[in-house]
Protein backbone atom coordinates (compact mmCIF):
# COMPACT_ATOMS: atom_id res chain seq x y z
CA GLN A 1 138.29 133.51 13.54
CA VAL A 2 141.34 134.77 15.38
CA GLN A 3 144.60 132.94 14.86
CA LEU A 4 147.82 133.73 16.67
CA VAL A 5 151.20 132.15 16.07
CA GLU A 6 154.27 132.93 18.16
CA SER A 7 157.91 132.57 17.17
CA GLY A 8 161.31 133.55 18.45
CA GLY A 9 161.65 131.52 21.61
CA GLY A 10 164.75 129.53 22.43
CA LEU A 11 167.63 128.97 24.80
CA VAL A 12 169.71 131.94 25.86
CA GLN A 13 172.24 132.65 28.57
CA ALA A 14 171.45 135.03 31.39
CA GLY A 15 172.02 138.60 30.28
CA GLY A 16 171.16 137.78 26.68
CA SER A 17 168.29 138.92 24.50
CA LEU A 18 165.44 137.40 22.53
CA ARG A 19 162.74 138.89 20.37
CA LEU A 20 159.37 137.18 20.31
CA SER A 21 156.98 137.74 17.43
CA CYS A 22 153.30 136.99 17.02
CA ALA A 23 151.57 136.82 13.66
CA ALA A 24 147.87 137.51 13.99
CA SER A 25 144.92 137.07 11.68
CA GLY A 26 141.24 137.76 12.16
CA ILE A 27 141.81 140.59 14.61
CA PHE A 28 141.22 144.30 14.43
CA SER A 29 143.44 147.16 15.43
CA ILE A 30 140.86 148.04 18.11
CA ASN A 31 141.79 144.95 20.10
CA ALA A 32 144.34 145.21 22.85
CA MET A 33 147.05 142.56 22.78
CA GLY A 34 149.47 141.13 25.26
CA TRP A 35 152.19 138.66 26.12
CA PHE A 36 151.58 136.20 28.94
CA ARG A 37 153.94 133.63 30.38
CA GLN A 38 153.57 130.51 32.42
CA ALA A 39 156.43 128.86 34.28
CA PRO A 40 156.17 125.27 35.53
CA GLU A 41 153.75 124.93 38.45
CA LYS A 42 152.91 128.62 38.31
CA GLU A 43 149.88 130.52 37.09
CA ARG A 44 149.83 132.24 33.74
CA GLU A 45 150.59 135.94 34.15
CA LEU A 46 150.44 139.04 32.00
CA VAL A 47 153.96 140.20 31.25
CA ALA A 48 153.23 143.10 28.91
CA GLY A 49 150.16 144.55 27.25
CA ILE A 50 149.41 147.18 24.64
CA SER A 51 146.08 148.85 24.05
CA SER A 52 144.65 149.79 20.72
CA GLY A 53 145.86 153.33 21.34
CA GLY A 54 149.39 152.26 22.16
CA LYS A 55 149.20 152.48 25.93
CA THR A 56 151.49 149.88 27.46
CA TYR A 57 151.64 147.86 30.65
CA TYR A 58 154.58 145.90 32.06
CA LYS A 59 154.85 143.56 34.98
CA ASN A 60 157.16 145.19 37.52
CA SER A 61 159.84 142.52 37.22
CA VAL A 62 160.32 143.16 33.49
CA LYS A 63 160.11 146.95 33.41
CA GLY A 64 163.15 148.44 31.74
CA ARG A 65 164.10 145.09 30.21
CA PHE A 66 161.14 144.16 27.99
CA THR A 67 159.48 146.26 25.30
CA ILE A 68 156.16 145.44 23.67
CA SER A 69 155.20 146.78 20.27
CA ARG A 70 152.58 146.18 17.62
CA ASP A 71 152.22 146.82 13.90
CA ASN A 72 148.55 147.23 13.02
CA VAL A 73 149.26 147.17 9.30
CA LYS A 74 151.16 143.88 9.38
CA ASN A 75 149.02 142.51 12.26
CA THR A 76 152.04 141.57 14.31
CA LEU A 77 152.95 141.83 17.97
CA ALA A 78 156.50 141.75 19.28
CA LEU A 79 158.24 141.48 22.63
CA GLN A 80 161.88 142.53 22.82
CA MET A 81 163.44 140.94 25.88
CA ASN A 82 166.82 142.16 27.08
CA SER A 83 168.93 141.36 30.13
CA LEU A 84 167.15 138.05 30.49
CA LYS A 85 167.22 136.26 33.82
CA PRO A 86 166.72 132.58 34.69
CA GLU A 87 163.42 133.54 36.32
CA ASP A 88 162.15 134.66 32.89
CA THR A 89 162.14 131.03 31.83
CA ALA A 90 158.59 130.12 30.82
CA MET A 91 156.23 129.39 27.98
CA TYR A 92 155.27 132.71 26.43
CA TYR A 93 151.84 133.23 24.89
CA CYS A 94 150.51 135.90 22.58
CA ALA A 95 146.92 136.93 23.29
CA THR A 96 144.21 139.28 22.13
CA PHE A 97 141.69 140.93 24.41
CA ASP A 98 138.00 141.35 23.73
CA GLY A 99 138.25 145.13 23.75
CA SER A 100 140.58 148.04 23.32
CA SER A 101 142.12 147.71 26.79
CA PHE A 102 144.34 144.97 28.24
CA ILE A 103 142.24 145.18 31.39
CA GLY A 104 139.72 142.80 29.99
CA THR A 105 139.03 139.27 28.92
CA VAL A 106 141.41 137.35 26.71
CA ASP A 107 139.50 135.94 23.79
CA ALA A 108 142.29 134.18 21.88
CA TRP A 109 145.63 132.54 22.67
CA GLY A 110 148.52 131.41 20.57
CA PRO A 111 150.04 127.95 21.12
CA GLY A 112 153.05 129.46 22.89
CA THR A 113 156.80 129.61 22.43
CA LEU A 114 159.30 128.38 25.01
CA VAL A 115 161.93 130.70 26.45
CA THR A 116 164.70 129.13 28.51
CA VAL A 117 167.31 131.28 30.22
CA SER A 118 170.34 129.47 31.58
CA SER A 119 172.39 130.79 34.48
């Protein structure tokens, strides 16, 4: 059974940085992983993804500011977020995909961690 637990969210001023972490169990290194976010009254969206081979994807609005990484030995996923903007405010979720690519179906979610960016 896959279990994901996020940490690292919080309140930060615009221009600041946060590092989100996700501790995973019950997954394999062949699974792609990703960070999603959902702002109030908006749909959940993929912010960054990383395949089993290390290929990455970023939503256009976070390119150059966010960096996704994974440690297959420690079974952790991280999202380094720099130059944060108020529009980055959302609940952030760690997720695993059912295959090696992040162009697939999410088969597990973490409970989420809240990121609030003040202007």
